[in-house]
PDB file of all heavy atoms in Angstrom:
ATOM      1  N   ALA A   1      42.996-170.100 -84.861  1.00  0.00           N
ATOM      2  CA  ALA A   1      42.096-169.455 -83.897  1.00  0.00           C
ATOM      3  C   ALA A   1      41.574-168.137 -84.452  1.00  0.00           C
ATOM      4  O   ALA A   1      40.379-167.828 -84.345  1.00  0.00           O
ATOM      5  CB  ALA A   1      42.822-169.231 -82.573  1.00  0.00           C
ATOM      6  N   LEU A   2      42.457-167.352 -85.048  1.00  0.00           N
ATOM      7  CA  LEU A   2      42.054-166.069 -85.619  1.00  0.00           C
ATOM      8  C   LEU A   2      41.070-166.277 -86.763  1.00  0.00           C
ATOM      9  O   LEU A   2      40.043-165.585 -86.858  1.00  0.00           O
ATOM     10  CB  LEU A   2      43.295-165.315 -86.106  1.00  0.00           C
ATOM     11  CG  LEU A   2      43.046-163.937 -86.751  1.00  0.00           C
ATOM     12  CD1 LEU A   2      42.414-162.987 -85.744  1.00  0.00           C
ATOM     13  CD2 LEU A   2      44.361-163.367 -87.286  1.00  0.00           C
ATOM     14  N   GLU A   3      41.386-167.240 -87.617  1.00  0.00           N
ATOM     15  CA  GLU A   3      40.537-167.484 -88.789  1.00  0.00           C
ATOM     16  C   GLU A   3      39.128-167.901 -88.391  1.00  0.00           C
ATOM     17  O   GLU A   3      38.148-167.519 -89.038  1.00  0.00           O
ATOM     18  CB  GLU A   3      41.171-168.565 -89.662  1.00  0.00           C
ATOM     19  CG  GLU A   3      40.356-168.942 -90.885  1.00  0.00           C
ATOM     20  CD  GLU A   3      41.007-170.036 -91.723  1.00  0.00           C
ATOM     21  OE1 GLU A   3      42.206-170.309 -91.517  1.00  0.00           O
ATOM     22  OE2 GLU A   3      40.302-170.608 -92.582  1.00  0.00           O
ATOM     23  N   HIS A   4      39.025-168.683 -87.316  1.00  0.00           N
ATOM     24  CA  HIS A   4      37.723-169.227 -86.933  1.00  0.00           C
ATOM     25  C   HIS A   4      37.069-168.457 -85.791  1.00  0.00           C
ATOM     26  O   HIS A   4      36.036-168.900 -85.259  1.00  0.00           O
ATOM     27  CB  HIS A   4      37.881-170.701 -86.559  1.00  0.00           C
ATOM     28  CG  HIS A   4      38.279-171.572 -87.717  1.00  0.00           C
ATOM     29  ND1 HIS A   4      37.406-171.951 -88.702  1.00  0.00           N
ATOM     30  CD2 HIS A   4      39.493-172.098 -88.067  1.00  0.00           C
ATOM     31  CE1 HIS A   4      38.037-172.697 -89.600  1.00  0.00           C
ATOM     32  NE2 HIS A   4      39.301-172.794 -89.239  1.00  0.00           N
ATOM     33  N   GLY A   5      37.653-167.316 -85.411  1.00  0.00           N
ATOM     34  CA  GLY A   5      37.037-166.477 -84.394  1.00  0.00           C
ATOM     35  C   GLY A   5      37.023-167.083 -83.006  1.00  0.00           C
ATOM     36  O   GLY A   5      36.087-166.849 -82.221  1.00  0.00           O
ATOM     37  N   LEU A   6      38.075-167.857 -82.670  1.00  0.00           N
ATOM     38  CA  LEU A   6      38.152-168.483 -81.356  1.00  0.00           C
ATOM     39  C   LEU A   6      38.974-167.630 -80.398  1.00  0.00           C
ATOM     40  O   LEU A   6      39.941-166.977 -80.806  1.00  0.00           O
ATOM     41  CB  LEU A   6      38.805-169.868 -81.458  1.00  0.00           C
ATOM     42  CG  LEU A   6      38.202-170.864 -82.452  1.00  0.00           C
ATOM     43  CD1 LEU A   6      39.007-172.150 -82.437  1.00  0.00           C
ATOM     44  CD2 LEU A   6      36.739-171.149 -82.122  1.00  0.00           C
ATOM     45  N   ASP A   7      38.614-167.648 -79.121  1.00  0.00           N
ATOM     46  CA  ASP A   7      39.482-167.078 -78.104  1.00  0.00           C
ATOM     47  C   ASP A   7      40.753-167.915 -78.051  1.00  0.00           C
ATOM     48  O   ASP A   7      40.690-169.135 -77.832  1.00  0.00           O
ATOM     49  CB  ASP A   7      38.803-167.111 -76.729  1.00  0.00           C
ATOM     50  CG  ASP A   7      37.589-166.205 -76.650  1.00  0.00           C
ATOM     51  OD1 ASP A   7      37.553-165.209 -77.393  1.00  0.00           O
ATOM     52  OD2 ASP A   7      36.675-166.509 -75.854  1.00  0.00           O
ATOM     53  N   CYS A   8      41.914-167.284 -78.250  1.00  0.00           N
ATOM     54  CA  CYS A   8      43.186-168.024 -78.245  1.00  0.00           C
ATOM     55  C   CYS A   8      43.910-167.743 -76.936  1.00  0.00           C
ATOM     56  O   CYS A   8      44.252-166.591 -76.629  1.00  0.00           O
ATOM     57  CB  CYS A   8      44.048-167.618 -79.433  1.00  0.00           C
ATOM     58  SG  CYS A   8      45.514-168.668 -79.621  1.00  0.00           S
ATOM     59  N   ILE A   9      44.154-168.788 -76.168  1.00  0.00           N
ATOM     60  CA  ILE A   9      44.773-168.675 -74.852  1.00  0.00           C
ATOM     61  C   ILE A   9      46.130-169.372 -74.903  1.00  0.00           C
ATOM     62  O   ILE A   9      46.207-170.589 -75.129  1.00  0.00           O
ATOM     63  CB  ILE A   9      43.884-169.323 -73.779  1.00  0.00           C
ATOM     64  CG1 ILE A   9      42.496-168.681 -73.791  1.00  0.00           C
ATOM     65  CG2 ILE A   9      44.532-169.223 -72.398  1.00  0.00           C
ATOM     66  CD1 ILE A   9      41.437-169.479 -73.069  1.00  0.00           C
ATOM     67  N   ILE A  10      47.205-168.612 -74.723  1.00  0.00           N
ATOM     68  CA  ILE A  10      48.554-169.177 -74.695  1.00  0.00           C
ATOM     69  C   ILE A  10      48.868-169.533 -73.251  1.00  0.00           C
ATOM     70  O   ILE A  10      48.842-168.674 -72.362  1.00  0.00           O
ATOM     71  CB  ILE A  10      49.590-168.180 -75.241  1.00  0.00           C
ATOM     72  CG1 ILE A  10      49.153-167.643 -76.604  1.00  0.00           C
ATOM     73  CG2 ILE A  10      50.962-168.860 -75.327  1.00  0.00           C
ATOM     74  CD1 ILE A  10      48.894-168.692 -77.644  1.00  0.00           C
ATOM     75  N   ALA A  11      49.142-170.801 -73.001  1.00  0.00           N
ATOM     76  CA  ALA A  11      49.283-171.299 -71.631  1.00  0.00           C
ATOM     77  C   ALA A  11      50.570-172.105 -71.484  1.00  0.00           C
ATOM     78  O   ALA A  11      50.551-173.339 -71.529  1.00  0.00           O
ATOM     79  CB  ALA A  11      48.066-172.147 -71.266  1.00  0.00           C
ATOM     80  N   PRO A  12      51.709-171.427 -71.289  1.00  0.00           N
ATOM     81  CA  PRO A  12      52.969-172.158 -71.105  1.00  0.00           C
ATOM     82  C   PRO A  12      52.944-172.963 -69.799  1.00  0.00           C
ATOM     83  O   PRO A  12      52.562-172.450 -68.750  1.00  0.00           O
ATOM     84  CB  PRO A  12      54.022-171.044 -71.038  1.00  0.00           C
ATOM     85  CG  PRO A  12      53.357-169.827 -71.591  1.00  0.00           C
ATOM     86  CD  PRO A  12      51.900-169.971 -71.250  1.00  0.00           C
ATOM     87  N   ALA A  13      53.336-174.215 -69.882  1.00  0.00           N
ATOM     88  CA  ALA A  13      53.399-175.088 -68.713  1.00  0.00           C
ATOM     89  C   ALA A  13      54.714-175.857 -68.792  1.00  0.00           C
ATOM     90  O   ALA A  13      54.894-176.672 -69.709  1.00  0.00           O
ATOM     91  CB  ALA A  13      52.206-176.035 -68.681  1.00  0.00           C
ATOM     92  N   PRO A  14      55.657-175.596 -67.886  1.00  0.00           N
ATOM     93  CA  PRO A  14      57.021-176.138 -68.032  1.00  0.00           C
ATOM     94  C   PRO A  14      57.101-177.641 -68.276  1.00  0.00           C
ATOM     95  O   PRO A  14      57.816-178.083 -69.170  1.00  0.00           O
ATOM     96  CB  PRO A  14      57.684-175.743 -66.703  1.00  0.00           C
ATOM     97  CG  PRO A  14      56.972-174.491 -66.291  1.00  0.00           C
ATOM     98  CD  PRO A  14      55.546-174.688 -66.723  1.00  0.00           C
ATOM     99  N   SER A  15      56.359-178.437 -67.498  1.00  0.00           N
ATOM    100  CA  SER A  15      56.514-179.884 -67.660  1.00  0.00           C
ATOM    101  C   SER A  15      55.916-180.384 -68.968  1.00  0.00           C
ATOM    102  O   SER A  15      56.319-181.442 -69.471  1.00  0.00           O
ATOM    103  CB  SER A  15      55.892-180.633 -66.473  1.00  0.00           C
ATOM    104  OG  SER A  15      54.482-180.612 -66.512  1.00  0.00           O
ATOM    105  N   PHE A  16      54.973-179.633 -69.534  1.00  0.00           N
ATOM    106  CA  PHE A  16      54.356-180.047 -70.789  1.00  0.00           C
ATOM    107  C   PHE A  16      55.022-179.414 -72.005  1.00  0.00           C
ATOM    108  O   PHE A  16      54.648-179.704 -73.136  1.00  0.00           O
ATOM    109  CB  PHE A  16      52.865-179.733 -70.769  1.00  0.00           C
ATOM    110  CG  PHE A  16      52.102-180.648 -69.866  1.00  0.00           C
ATOM    111  CD1 PHE A  16      51.895-180.309 -68.538  1.00  0.00           C
ATOM    112  CD2 PHE A  16      51.617-181.855 -70.320  1.00  0.00           C
ATOM    113  CE1 PHE A  16      51.217-181.158 -67.685  1.00  0.00           C
ATOM    114  CE2 PHE A  16      50.931-182.722 -69.479  1.00  0.00           C
ATOM    115  CZ  PHE A  16      50.741-182.368 -68.156  1.00  0.00           C
ATOM    116  N   SER A  17      56.008-178.566 -71.769  1.00  0.00           N
ATOM    117  CA  SER A  17      56.757-177.993 -72.891  1.00  0.00           C
ATOM    118  C   SER A  17      57.889-178.906 -73.322  1.00  0.00           C
ATOM    119  O   SER A  17      58.486-178.720 -74.377  1.00  0.00           O
ATOM    120  CB  SER A  17      57.328-176.629 -72.499  1.00  0.00           C
ATOM    121  OG  SER A  17      58.375-176.769 -71.557  1.00  0.00           O
ATOM    122  N   LYS A  18      58.173-179.927 -72.514  1.00  0.00           N
ATOM    123  CA  LYS A  18      59.329-180.781 -72.756  1.00  0.00           C
ATOM    124  C   LYS A  18      58.884-182.178 -73.157  1.00  0.00           C
ATOM    125  O   LYS A  18      58.348-182.937 -72.351  1.00  0.00           O
ATOM    126  CB  LYS A  18      60.184-180.860 -71.483  1.00  0.00           C
ATOM    127  CG  LYS A  18      61.545-181.479 -71.676  1.00  0.00           C
ATOM    128  CD  LYS A  18      62.453-180.588 -72.500  1.00  0.00           C
ATOM    129  CE  LYS A  18      63.881-181.113 -72.532  1.00  0.00           C
ATOM    130  NZ  LYS A  18      64.756-180.276 -73.386  1.00  0.00           N
ATOM    131  N   ASP A  19      59.097-182.512 -74.421  1.00  0.00           N
ATOM    132  CA  ASP A  19      58.842-183.873 -74.874  1.00  0.00           C
ATOM    133  C   ASP A  19      60.180-184.531 -75.207  1.00  0.00           C
ATOM    134  O   ASP A  19      61.227-183.910 -75.136  1.00  0.00           O
ATOM    135  CB  ASP A  19      57.880-183.910 -76.064  1.00  0.00           C
ATOM    136  CG  ASP A  19      58.246-182.881 -77.119  1.00  0.00           C
ATOM    137  OD1 ASP A  19      59.373-182.358 -77.092  1.00  0.00           O
ATOM    138  OD2 ASP A  19      57.406-182.604 -77.987  1.00  0.00           O
ATOM    139  N   VAL A  20      60.121-185.795 -75.541  1.00  0.00           N
ATOM    140  CA  VAL A  20      61.342-186.560 -75.809  1.00  0.00           C
ATOM    141  C   VAL A  20      61.517-186.701 -77.311  1.00  0.00           C
ATOM    142  O   VAL A  20      60.831-187.496 -77.957  1.00  0.00           O
ATOM    143  CB  VAL A  20      61.300-187.941 -75.122  1.00  0.00           C
ATOM    144  CG1 VAL A  20      62.550-188.742 -75.468  1.00  0.00           C
ATOM    145  CG2 VAL A  20      61.176-187.782 -73.610  1.00  0.00           C
ATOM    146  N   ASP A  21      62.423-185.900 -77.868  1.00  0.00           N
ATOM    147  CA  ASP A  21      62.679-185.925 -79.303  1.00  0.00           C
ATOM    148  C   ASP A  21      64.105-186.339 -79.645  1.00  0.00           C
ATOM    149  O   ASP A  21      64.345-186.914 -80.702  1.00  0.00           O
ATOM    150  CB  ASP A  21      62.418-184.545 -79.915  1.00  0.00           C
ATOM    151  CG  ASP A  21      60.940-184.291 -80.156  1.00  0.00           C
ATOM    152  OD1 ASP A  21      60.196-185.271 -80.350  1.00  0.00           O
ATOM    153  OD2 ASP A  21      60.529-183.131 -80.131  1.00  0.00           O
ATOM    154  N   CYS A  22      65.047-186.010 -78.769  1.00  0.00           N
ATOM    155  CA  CYS A  22      66.453-186.261 -79.074  1.00  0.00           C
ATOM    156  C   CYS A  22      67.137-186.907 -77.871  1.00  0.00           C
ATOM    157  O   CYS A  22      66.535-187.066 -76.806  1.00  0.00           O
ATOM    158  CB  CYS A  22      67.156-184.963 -79.477  1.00  0.00           C
ATOM    159  SG  CYS A  22      67.117-183.704 -78.177  1.00  0.00           S
ATOM    160  N   MET A  23      68.404-187.273 -78.037  1.00  0.00           N
ATOM    161  CA  MET A  23      69.113-187.968 -76.975  1.00  0.00           C
ATOM    162  C   MET A  23      69.248-187.105 -75.723  1.00  0.00           C
ATOM    163  O   MET A  23      69.220-187.621 -74.602  1.00  0.00           O
ATOM    164  CB  MET A  23      70.489-188.406 -77.470  1.00  0.00           C
ATOM    165  CG  MET A  23      70.450-189.554 -78.478  1.00  0.00           C
ATOM    166  SD  MET A  23      69.665-191.068 -77.835  1.00  0.00           S
ATOM    167  CE  MET A  23      70.851-191.559 -76.582  1.00  0.00           C
ATOM    168  N   GLU A  24      69.381-185.785 -75.892  1.00  0.00           N
ATOM    169  CA  GLU A  24      69.472-184.905 -74.735  1.00  0.00           C
ATOM    170  C   GLU A  24      68.180-184.967 -73.913  1.00  0.00           C
ATOM    171  O   GLU A  24      68.218-184.963 -72.674  1.00  0.00           O
ATOM    172  CB  GLU A  24      69.743-183.467 -75.172  1.00  0.00           C
ATOM    173  CG  GLU A  24      71.142-183.225 -75.714  1.00  0.00           C
ATOM    174  CD  GLU A  24      71.305-183.703 -77.153  1.00  0.00           C
ATOM    175  OE1 GLU A  24      70.285-184.122 -77.774  1.00  0.00           O
ATOM    176  OE2 GLU A  24      72.442-183.682 -77.658  1.00  0.00           O
ATOM    177  N   ASP A  25      67.041-185.040 -74.604  1.00  0.00           N
ATOM    178  CA  ASP A  25      65.765-185.179 -73.895  1.00  0.00           C
ATOM    179  C   ASP A  25      65.700-186.516 -73.173  1.00  0.00           C
ATOM    180  O   ASP A  25      65.240-186.600 -72.025  1.00  0.00           O
ATOM    181  CB  ASP A  25      64.592-185.088 -74.877  1.00  0.00           C
ATOM    182  CG  ASP A  25      64.564-183.777 -75.642  1.00  0.00           C
ATOM    183  OD1 ASP A  25      65.031-182.761 -75.107  1.00  0.00           O
ATOM    184  OD2 ASP A  25      64.082-183.794 -76.792  1.00  0.00           O
ATOM    185  N   LEU A  26      66.152-187.547 -73.839  1.00  0.00           N
ATOM    186  CA  LEU A  26      66.072-188.892 -73.275  1.00  0.00           C
ATOM    187  C   LEU A  26      66.922-189.004 -72.014  1.00  0.00           C
ATOM    188  O   LEU A  26      66.560-189.701 -71.060  1.00  0.00           O
ATOM    189  CB  LEU A  26      66.530-189.924 -74.313  1.00  0.00           C
ATOM    190  CG  LEU A  26      66.315-191.396 -73.978  1.00  0.00           C
ATOM    191  CD1 LEU A  26      64.841-191.677 -73.722  1.00  0.00           C
ATOM    192  CD2 LEU A  26      66.840-192.268 -75.099  1.00  0.00           C
ATOM    193  N   ALA A  27      68.037-188.289 -71.981  1.00  0.00           N
ATOM    194  CA  ALA A  27      68.925-188.347 -70.822  1.00  0.00           C
ATOM    195  C   ALA A  27      68.263-187.790 -69.568  1.00  0.00           C
ATOM    196  O   ALA A  27      68.679-188.111 -68.450  1.00  0.00           O
ATOM    197  CB  ALA A  27      70.217-187.582 -71.118  1.00  0.00           C
ATOM    198  N   GLU A  28      67.239-186.942 -69.738  1.00  0.00           N
ATOM    199  CA  GLU A  28      66.560-186.341 -68.604  1.00  0.00           C
ATOM    200  C   GLU A  28      65.413-187.195 -68.072  1.00  0.00           C
ATOM    201  O   GLU A  28      64.843-186.882 -67.031  1.00  0.00           O
ATOM    202  CB  GLU A  28      66.024-184.966 -68.999  1.00  0.00           C
ATOM    203  CG  GLU A  28      67.113-183.984 -69.397  1.00  0.00           C
ATOM    204  CD  GLU A  28      66.547-182.647 -69.827  1.00  0.00           C
ATOM    205  OE1 GLU A  28      65.344-182.421 -69.613  1.00  0.00           O
ATOM    206  OE2 GLU A  28      67.305-181.828 -70.376  1.00  0.00           O
ATOM    207  N   VAL A  29      65.067-188.255 -68.783  1.00  0.00           N
ATOM    208  CA  VAL A  29      63.968-189.121 -68.363  1.00  0.00           C
ATOM    209  C   VAL A  29      64.417-189.976 -67.186  1.00  0.00           C
ATOM    210  O   VAL A  29      65.546-190.446 -67.128  1.00  0.00           O
ATOM    211  CB  VAL A  29      63.508-190.014 -69.538  1.00  0.00           C
ATOM    212  CG1 VAL A  29      62.449-191.011 -69.071  1.00  0.00           C
ATOM    213  CG2 VAL A  29      62.953-189.147 -70.659  1.00  0.00           C
ATOM    214  N   ASP A  30      63.526-190.183 -66.239  1.00  0.00           N
ATOM    215  CA  ASP A  30      63.809-191.049 -65.101  1.00  0.00           C
ATOM    216  C   ASP A  30      64.188-192.439 -65.612  1.00  0.00           C
ATOM    217  O   ASP A  30      63.384-193.090 -66.295  1.00  0.00           O
ATOM    218  CB  ASP A  30      62.551-191.146 -64.224  1.00  0.00           C
ATOM    219  CG  ASP A  30      62.776-191.926 -62.940  1.00  0.00           C
ATOM    220  OD1 ASP A  30      63.757-192.690 -62.863  1.00  0.00           O
ATOM    221  OD2 ASP A  30      61.964-191.767 -62.015  1.00  0.00           O
ATOM    222  N   PRO A  31      65.396-192.924 -65.291  1.00  0.00           N
ATOM    223  CA  PRO A  31      65.821-194.239 -65.804  1.00  0.00           C
ATOM    224  C   PRO A  31      64.854-195.363 -65.457  1.00  0.00           C
ATOM    225  O   PRO A  31      64.785-196.363 -66.177  1.00  0.00           O
ATOM    226  CB  PRO A  31      67.184-194.449 -65.123  1.00  0.00           C
ATOM    227  CG  PRO A  31      67.671-193.075 -64.826  1.00  0.00           C
ATOM    228  CD  PRO A  31      66.437-192.272 -64.504  1.00  0.00           C
ATOM    229  N   LYS A  32      64.088-195.213 -64.358  1.00  0.00           N
ATOM    230  CA  LYS A  32      63.153-196.281 -63.977  1.00  0.00           C
ATOM    231  C   LYS A  32      62.061-196.453 -65.003  1.00  0.00           C
ATOM    232  O   LYS A  32      61.394-197.487 -65.047  1.00  0.00           O
ATOM    233  CB  LYS A  32      62.538-195.972 -62.605  1.00  0.00           C
ATOM    234  CG  LYS A  32      63.534-195.955 -61.448  1.00  0.00           C
ATOM    235  CD  LYS A  32      62.824-195.920 -60.113  1.00  0.00           C
ATOM    236  CE  LYS A  32      62.034-194.638 -59.906  1.00  0.00           C
ATOM    237  NZ  LYS A  32      62.900-193.458 -59.822  1.00  0.00           N
ATOM    238  N   LEU A  33      61.841-195.429 -65.846  1.00  0.00           N
ATOM    239  CA  LEU A  33      60.793-195.512 -66.849  1.00  0.00           C
ATOM    240  C   LEU A  33      61.252-196.198 -68.127  1.00  0.00           C
ATOM    241  O   LEU A  33      60.448-196.468 -69.009  1.00  0.00           O
ATOM    242  CB  LEU A  33      60.284-194.108 -67.193  1.00  0.00           C
ATOM    243  CG  LEU A  33      59.632-193.334 -66.047  1.00  0.00           C
ATOM    244  CD1 LEU A  33      59.305-191.924 -66.500  1.00  0.00           C
ATOM    245  CD2 LEU A  33      58.388-194.044 -65.551  1.00  0.00           C
ATOM    246  N   LEU A  34      62.544-196.489 -68.231  1.00  0.00           N
ATOM    247  CA  LEU A  34      63.096-197.046 -69.458  1.00  0.00           C
ATOM    248  C   LEU A  34      63.400-198.527 -69.291  1.00  0.00           C
ATOM    249  O   LEU A  34      63.683-198.998 -68.192  1.00  0.00           O
ATOM    250  CB  LEU A  34      64.377-196.302 -69.847  1.00  0.00           C
ATOM    251  CG  LEU A  34      64.222-194.801 -70.075  1.00  0.00           C
ATOM    252  CD1 LEU A  34      65.575-194.182 -70.397  1.00  0.00           C
ATOM    253  CD2 LEU A  34      63.235-194.518 -71.193  1.00  0.00           C
ATOM    254  N   PRO A  35      63.364-199.282 -70.392  1.00  0.00           N
ATOM    255  CA  PRO A  35      63.768-200.683 -70.327  1.00  0.00           C
ATOM    256  C   PRO A  35      65.193-200.797 -69.809  1.00  0.00           C
ATOM    257  O   PRO A  35      66.040-199.945 -70.081  1.00  0.00           O
ATOM    258  CB  PRO A  35      63.670-201.149 -71.795  1.00  0.00           C
ATOM    259  CG  PRO A  35      62.734-200.183 -72.429  1.00  0.00           C
ATOM    260  CD  PRO A  35      62.947-198.872 -71.742  1.00  0.00           C
ATOM    261  N   LYS A  36      65.484-201.855 -69.045  1.00  0.00           N
ATOM    262  CA  LYS A  36      66.811-201.994 -68.423  1.00  0.00           C
ATOM    263  C   LYS A  36      67.937-201.949 -69.449  1.00  0.00           C
ATOM    264  O   LYS A  36      68.983-201.358 -69.218  1.00  0.00           O
ATOM    265  CB  LYS A  36      66.871-203.297 -67.621  1.00  0.00           C
ATOM    266  CG  LYS A  36      65.984-203.302 -66.391  1.00  0.00           C
ATOM    267  CD  LYS A  36      66.100-204.611 -65.627  1.00  0.00           C
ATOM    268  CE  LYS A  36      65.208-204.593 -64.388  1.00  0.00           C
ATOM    269  NZ  LYS A  36      65.285-205.873 -63.639  1.00  0.00           N
ATOM    270  N   SER A  37      67.742-202.599 -70.589  1.00  0.00           N
ATOM    271  CA  SER A  37      68.798-202.640 -71.599  1.00  0.00           C
ATOM    272  C   SER A  37      69.090-201.264 -72.157  1.00  0.00           C
ATOM    273  O   SER A  37      70.206-200.982 -72.596  1.00  0.00           O
ATOM    274  CB  SER A  37      68.400-203.576 -72.739  1.00  0.00           C
ATOM    275  OG  SER A  37      67.228-203.098 -73.378  1.00  0.00           O
ATOM    276  N   LEU A  38      68.083-200.372 -72.107  1.00  0.00           N
ATOM    277  CA  LEU A  38      68.258-199.044 -72.646  1.00  0.00           C
ATOM    278  C   LEU A  38      68.748-198.061 -71.598  1.00  0.00           C
ATOM    279  O   LEU A  38      69.589-197.213 -71.858  1.00  0.00           O
ATOM    280  CB  LEU A  38      66.952-198.530 -73.239  1.00  0.00           C
ATOM    281  CG  LEU A  38      66.959-197.149 -73.874  1.00  0.00           C
ATOM    282  CD1 LEU A  38      68.008-197.090 -74.991  1.00  0.00           C
ATOM    283  CD2 LEU A  38      65.593-196.783 -74.390  1.00  0.00           C
ATOM    284  N   SER A  39      68.243-198.174 -70.375  1.00  0.00           N
ATOM    285  CA  SER A  39      68.603-197.205 -69.343  1.00  0.00           C
ATOM    286  C   SER A  39      70.091-197.222 -69.053  1.00  0.00           C
ATOM    287  O   SER A  39      70.670-196.211 -68.685  1.00  0.00           O
ATOM    288  CB  SER A  39      67.812-197.488 -68.056  1.00  0.00           C
ATOM    289  OG  SER A  39      68.119-198.765 -67.537  1.00  0.00           O
ATOM    290  N   ARG A  40      70.735-198.359 -69.256  1.00  0.00           N
ATOM    291  CA  ARG A  40      72.185-198.419 -69.037  1.00  0.00           C
ATOM    292  C   ARG A  40      72.949-197.619 -70.082  1.00  0.00           C
ATOM    293  O   ARG A  40      74.095-197.256 -69.880  1.00  0.00           O
ATOM    294  CB  ARG A  40      72.657-199.867 -69.036  1.00  0.00           C
ATOM    295  CG  ARG A  40      72.202-200.674 -67.828  1.00  0.00           C
ATOM    296  CD  ARG A  40      72.959-201.995 -67.753  1.00  0.00           C
ATOM    297  NE  ARG A  40      72.628-202.859 -68.867  1.00  0.00           N
ATOM    298  CZ  ARG A  40      71.667-203.781 -68.820  1.00  0.00           C
ATOM    299  NH1 ARG A  40      70.945-203.926 -67.725  1.00  0.00           N
ATOM    300  NH2 ARG A  40      71.422-204.551 -69.855  1.00  0.00           N
TER     301      ARG A  40
END
């Protein structure tokens, strides 16, 4: 942004800060969204 002269807006958003990368993240996912064999 600095290099190209853009207005840089930092916008933290709690639900969009959390993606699924590790098992701890996966444990927080609604089990209904996972295949039955995996949610167990």
